Amino acid sequence: MKLEDLLKKCPECGSQDKTAQRKIEDEHRAHATLKAIVCDKCGHVFESGEKEE
């Protein structure tokens, strides 16, 4: 996600507050993978780190 995308308002509630949810990797505790970027206010998912098939 680009910086411009992070600064956009949520299409559902208009909030600009977002949280990046990460999953700590079991093999390397210092590394994490992105799970999702979600709106703090309504929970709208902007980007999911899970691969879609």
PDB file of N, CA and C in Angstrom:
ATOM      1  N   MET A   1       0.852  -1.164   0.000  1.00  0.00           N
ATOM      2  CA  MET A   1       0.000   0.000   0.000  1.00  0.00           C
ATOM      3  C   MET A   1       0.903   1.233   0.000  1.00  0.00           C
ATOM      4  N   LYS A   2       0.584   2.166  -0.835  1.00  0.00           N
ATOM      5  CA  LYS A   2       1.362   3.394  -0.941  1.00  0.00           C
ATOM      6  C   LYS A   2       0.966   4.375   0.155  1.00  0.00           C
ATOM      7  N   LEU A   3       1.832   5.350   0.392  1.00  0.00           N
ATOM      8  CA  LEU A   3       1.566   6.359   1.412  1.00  0.00           C
ATOM      9  C   LEU A   3       0.273   7.113   1.128  1.00  0.00           C
ATOM     10  N   GLU A   4       0.014   7.418  -0.145  1.00  0.00           N
ATOM     11  CA  GLU A   4      -1.221   8.126  -0.492  1.00  0.00           C
ATOM     12  C   GLU A   4      -2.447   7.306  -0.105  1.00  0.00           C
ATOM     13  N   ASP A   5      -2.348   5.977  -0.245  1.00  0.00           N
ATOM     14  CA  ASP A   5      -3.464   5.098   0.117  1.00  0.00           C
ATOM     15  C   ASP A   5      -3.677   5.071   1.629  1.00  0.00           C
ATOM     16  N   LEU A   6      -2.583   5.140   2.390  1.00  0.00           N
ATOM     17  CA  LEU A   6      -2.705   5.136   3.849  1.00  0.00           C
ATOM     18  C   LEU A   6      -3.359   6.411   4.366  1.00  0.00           C
ATOM     19  N   LEU A   7      -3.217   7.498   3.628  1.00  0.00           N
ATOM     20  CA  LEU A   7      -3.784   8.773   4.063  1.00  0.00           C
ATOM     21  C   LEU A   7      -5.233   8.974   3.631  1.00  0.00           C
ATOM     22  N   LYS A   8      -5.751   8.095   2.778  1.00  0.00           N
ATOM     23  CA  LYS A   8      -7.137   8.214   2.312  1.00  0.00           C
ATOM     24  C   LYS A   8      -8.122   7.950   3.439  1.00  0.00           C
ATOM     25  N   LYS A   9      -9.295   8.534   3.302  1.00  0.00           N
ATOM     26  CA  LYS A   9     -10.367   8.293   4.260  1.00  0.00           C
ATOM     27  C   LYS A   9     -11.039   6.956   3.963  1.00  0.00           C
ATOM     28  N   CYS A  10     -11.593   6.362   4.989  1.00  0.00           N
ATOM     29  CA  CYS A  10     -12.322   5.105   4.852  1.00  0.00           C
ATOM     30  C   CYS A  10     -13.583   5.345   4.023  1.00  0.00           C
ATOM     31  N   PRO A  11     -13.869   4.500   3.037  1.00  0.00           N
ATOM     32  CA  PRO A  11     -15.066   4.700   2.223  1.00  0.00           C
ATOM     33  C   PRO A  11     -16.371   4.455   2.995  1.00  0.00           C
ATOM     34  N   GLU A  12     -16.297   3.750   4.114  1.00  0.00           N
ATOM     35  CA  GLU A  12     -17.508   3.443   4.874  1.00  0.00           C
ATOM     36  C   GLU A  12     -17.822   4.476   5.959  1.00  0.00           C
ATOM     37  N   CYS A  13     -16.777   4.927   6.716  1.00  0.00           N
ATOM     38  CA  CYS A  13     -17.057   5.819   7.843  1.00  0.00           C
ATOM     39  C   CYS A  13     -16.336   7.168   7.758  1.00  0.00           C
ATOM     40  N   GLY A  14     -15.353   7.302   6.873  1.00  0.00           N
ATOM     41  CA  GLY A  14     -14.644   8.564   6.704  1.00  0.00           C
ATOM     42  C   GLY A  14     -13.455   8.759   7.622  1.00  0.00           C
ATOM     43  N   SER A  15     -13.152   7.799   8.482  1.00  0.00           N
ATOM     44  CA  SER A  15     -12.018   7.907   9.398  1.00  0.00           C
ATOM     45  C   SER A  15     -10.708   7.693   8.647  1.00  0.00           C
ATOM     46  N   GLN A  16      -9.624   8.322   9.124  1.00  0.00           N
ATOM     47  CA  GLN A  16      -8.316   8.135   8.515  1.00  0.00           C
ATOM     48  C   GLN A  16      -7.414   7.252   9.378  1.00  0.00           C
ATOM     49  N   ASP A  17      -7.903   6.778  10.515  1.00  0.00           N
ATOM     50  CA  ASP A  17      -7.117   5.949  11.415  1.00  0.00           C
ATOM     51  C   ASP A  17      -7.146   4.497  10.959  1.00  0.00           C
ATOM     52  N   LYS A  18      -5.947   3.923  10.794  1.00  0.00           N
ATOM     53  CA  LYS A  18      -5.831   2.550  10.328  1.00  0.00           C
ATOM     54  C   LYS A  18      -4.834   1.789  11.194  1.00  0.00           C
ATOM     55  N   THR A  19      -4.980   0.470  11.248  1.00  0.00           N
ATOM     56  CA  THR A  19      -4.061  -0.391  11.974  1.00  0.00           C
ATOM     57  C   THR A  19      -3.570  -1.479  11.035  1.00  0.00           C
ATOM     58  N   ALA A  20      -2.259  -1.718  11.078  1.00  0.00           N
ATOM     59  CA  ALA A  20      -1.675  -2.809  10.300  1.00  0.00           C
ATOM     60  C   ALA A  20      -1.583  -4.017  11.218  1.00  0.00           C
ATOM     61  N   GLN A  21      -2.334  -5.053  10.895  1.00  0.00           N
ATOM     62  CA  GLN A  21      -2.302  -6.280  11.684  1.00  0.00           C
ATOM     63  C   GLN A  21      -1.228  -7.188  11.095  1.00  0.00           C
ATOM     64  N   ARG A  22      -0.351  -7.698  11.975  1.00  0.00           N
ATOM     65  CA  ARG A  22       0.747  -8.535  11.507  1.00  0.00           C
ATOM     66  C   ARG A  22       0.722  -9.883  12.195  1.00  0.00           C
ATOM     67  N   LYS A  23       1.348 -10.864  11.560  1.00  0.00           N
ATOM     68  CA  LYS A  23       1.482 -12.198  12.129  1.00  0.00           C
ATOM     69  C   LYS A  23       2.966 -12.472  12.315  1.00  0.00           C
ATOM     70  N   ILE A  24       3.377 -12.740  13.546  1.00  0.00           N
ATOM     71  CA  ILE A  24       4.773 -13.041  13.845  1.00  0.00           C
ATOM     72  C   ILE A  24       5.104 -14.425  13.280  1.00  0.00           C
ATOM     73  N   GLU A  25       6.195 -14.513  12.538  1.00  0.00           N
ATOM     74  CA  GLU A  25       6.605 -15.786  11.955  1.00  0.00           C
ATOM     75  C   GLU A  25       7.188 -16.689  13.037  1.00  0.00           C
ATOM     76  N   ASP A  26       6.844 -17.966  12.991  1.00  0.00           N
ATOM     77  CA  ASP A  26       7.300 -18.923  13.998  1.00  0.00           C
ATOM     78  C   ASP A  26       8.807 -19.159  13.928  1.00  0.00           C
ATOM     79  N   GLU A  27       9.365 -19.224  12.730  1.00  0.00           N
ATOM     80  CA  GLU A  27      10.780 -19.533  12.576  1.00  0.00           C
ATOM     81  C   GLU A  27      11.671 -18.382  13.025  1.00  0.00           C
ATOM     82  N   HIS A  28      11.290 -17.164  12.681  1.00  0.00           N
ATOM     83  CA  HIS A  28      12.092 -15.981  13.002  1.00  0.00           C
ATOM     84  C   HIS A  28      11.219 -15.017  13.789  1.00  0.00           C
ATOM     85  N   ARG A  29      11.354 -15.027  15.081  1.00  0.00           N
ATOM     86  CA  ARG A  29      10.482 -14.237  15.954  1.00  0.00           C
ATOM     87  C   ARG A  29      10.588 -12.732  15.714  1.00  0.00           C
ATOM     88  N   ALA A  30      11.661 -12.278  15.067  1.00  0.00           N
ATOM     89  CA  ALA A  30      11.824 -10.846  14.810  1.00  0.00           C
ATOM     90  C   ALA A  30      11.152 -10.422  13.507  1.00  0.00           C
ATOM     91  N   HIS A  31      10.632 -11.369  12.730  1.00  0.00           N
ATOM     92  CA  HIS A  31      10.009 -11.069  11.446  1.00  0.00           C
ATOM     93  C   HIS A  31       8.498 -11.275  11.534  1.00  0.00           C
ATOM     94  N   ALA A  32       7.784 -10.491  10.744  1.00  0.00           N
ATOM     95  CA  ALA A  32       6.326 -10.603  10.720  1.00  0.00           C
ATOM     96  C   ALA A  32       5.837 -10.416   9.290  1.00  0.00           C
ATOM     97  N   THR A  33       4.685 -10.993   9.005  1.00  0.00           N
ATOM     98  CA  THR A  33       4.051 -10.812   7.703  1.00  0.00           C
ATOM     99  C   THR A  33       2.754 -10.042   7.899  1.00  0.00           C
ATOM    100  N   LEU A  34       2.372  -9.268   6.890  1.00  0.00           N
ATOM    101  CA  LEU A  34       1.162  -8.455   6.962  1.00  0.00           C
ATOM    102  C   LEU A  34      -0.076  -9.339   6.840  1.00  0.00           C
ATOM    103  N   LYS A  35      -0.992  -9.204   7.800  1.00  0.00           N
ATOM    104  CA  LYS A  35      -2.266  -9.908   7.718  1.00  0.00           C
ATOM    105  C   LYS A  35      -3.296  -9.032   7.036  1.00  0.00           C
ATOM    106  N   ALA A  36      -3.424  -7.785   7.510  1.00  0.00           N
ATOM    107  CA  ALA A  36      -4.419  -6.881   6.930  1.00  0.00           C
ATOM    108  C   ALA A  36      -4.195  -5.459   7.433  1.00  0.00           C
ATOM    109  N   ILE A  37      -4.717  -4.500   6.673  1.00  0.00           N
ATOM    110  CA  ILE A  37      -4.776  -3.110   7.110  1.00  0.00           C
ATOM    111  C   ILE A  37      -6.254  -2.785   7.249  1.00  0.00           C
ATOM    112  N   VAL A  38      -6.659  -2.447   8.472  1.00  0.00           N
ATOM    113  CA  VAL A  38      -8.075  -2.242   8.758  1.00  0.00           C
ATOM    114  C   VAL A  38      -8.330  -0.878   9.373  1.00  0.00           C
ATOM    115  N   CYS A  39      -9.537  -0.383   9.169  1.00  0.00           N
ATOM    116  CA  CYS A  39      -9.985   0.884   9.753  1.00  0.00           C
ATOM    117  C   CYS A  39     -10.202   0.680  11.254  1.00  0.00           C
ATOM    118  N   ASP A  40      -9.688   1.614  12.075  1.00  0.00           N
ATOM    119  CA  ASP A  40      -9.851   1.512  13.524  1.00  0.00           C
ATOM    120  C   ASP A  40     -11.294   1.726  13.965  1.00  0.00           C
ATOM    121  N   LYS A  41     -12.029   2.523  13.228  1.00  0.00           N
ATOM    122  CA  LYS A  41     -13.381   2.893  13.653  1.00  0.00           C
ATOM    123  C   LYS A  41     -14.429   1.836  13.278  1.00  0.00           C
ATOM    124  N   CYS A  42     -14.442   1.398  12.005  1.00  0.00           N
ATOM    125  CA  CYS A  42     -15.518   0.495  11.566  1.00  0.00           C
ATOM    126  C   CYS A  42     -15.044  -0.917  11.203  1.00  0.00           C
ATOM    127  N   GLY A  43     -13.725  -1.125  11.047  1.00  0.00           N
ATOM    128  CA  GLY A  43     -13.220  -2.459  10.740  1.00  0.00           C
ATOM    129  C   GLY A  43     -13.135  -2.781   9.259  1.00  0.00           C
ATOM    130  N   HIS A  44     -13.333  -1.787   8.411  1.00  0.00           N
ATOM    131  CA  HIS A  44     -13.233  -2.006   6.961  1.00  0.00           C
ATOM    132  C   HIS A  44     -11.813  -2.460   6.615  1.00  0.00           C
ATOM    133  N   VAL A  45     -11.673  -3.525   5.807  1.00  0.00           N
ATOM    134  CA  VAL A  45     -10.372  -4.047   5.417  1.00  0.00           C
ATOM    135  C   VAL A  45      -9.927  -3.364   4.131  1.00  0.00           C
ATOM    136  N   PHE A  46      -8.840  -2.593   4.220  1.00  0.00           N
ATOM    137  CA  PHE A  46      -8.306  -1.906   3.050  1.00  0.00           C
ATOM    138  C   PHE A  46      -7.460  -2.838   2.205  1.00  0.00           C
ATOM    139  N   GLU A  47      -6.619  -3.625   2.857  1.00  0.00           N
ATOM    140  CA  GLU A  47      -5.718  -4.524   2.145  1.00  0.00           C
ATOM    141  C   GLU A  47      -5.499  -5.747   2.999  1.00  0.00           C
ATOM    142  N   SER A  48      -5.564  -6.911   2.360  1.00  0.00           N
ATOM    143  CA  SER A  48      -5.326  -8.154   3.065  1.00  0.00           C
ATOM    144  C   SER A  48      -4.015  -8.750   2.572  1.00  0.00           C
ATOM    145  N   GLY A  49      -3.181  -9.180   3.485  1.00  0.00           N
ATOM    146  CA  GLY A  49      -1.899  -9.778   3.137  1.00  0.00           C
ATOM    147  C   GLY A  49      -2.016 -11.219   2.707  1.00  0.00           C
ATOM    148  N   GLU A  50      -3.193 -11.796   2.876  1.00  0.00           N
ATOM    149  CA  GLU A  50      -3.409 -13.189   2.473  1.00  0.00           C
ATOM    150  C   GLU A  50      -3.519 -13.269   0.966  1.00  0.00           C
ATOM    151  N   LYS A  51      -2.931 -14.305   0.419  1.00  0.00           N
ATOM    152  CA  LYS A  51      -2.956 -14.470  -1.036  1.00  0.00           C
ATOM    153  C   LYS A  51      -4.288 -15.046  -1.479  1.00  0.00           C
ATOM    154  N   GLU A  52      -4.866 -14.393  -2.478  1.00  0.00           N
ATOM    155  CA  GLU A  52      -6.149 -14.851  -3.004  1.00  0.00           C
ATOM    156  C   GLU A  52      -5.897 -15.789  -4.164  1.00  0.00           C
ATOM    157  N   GLU A  53      -6.609 -16.887  -4.182  1.00  0.00           N
ATOM    158  CA  GLU A  53      -6.444 -17.871  -5.261  1.00  0.00           C
ATOM    159  C   GLU A  53      -7.705 -18.001  -6.076  1.00  0.00           C
TER     160      GLU A  53
END
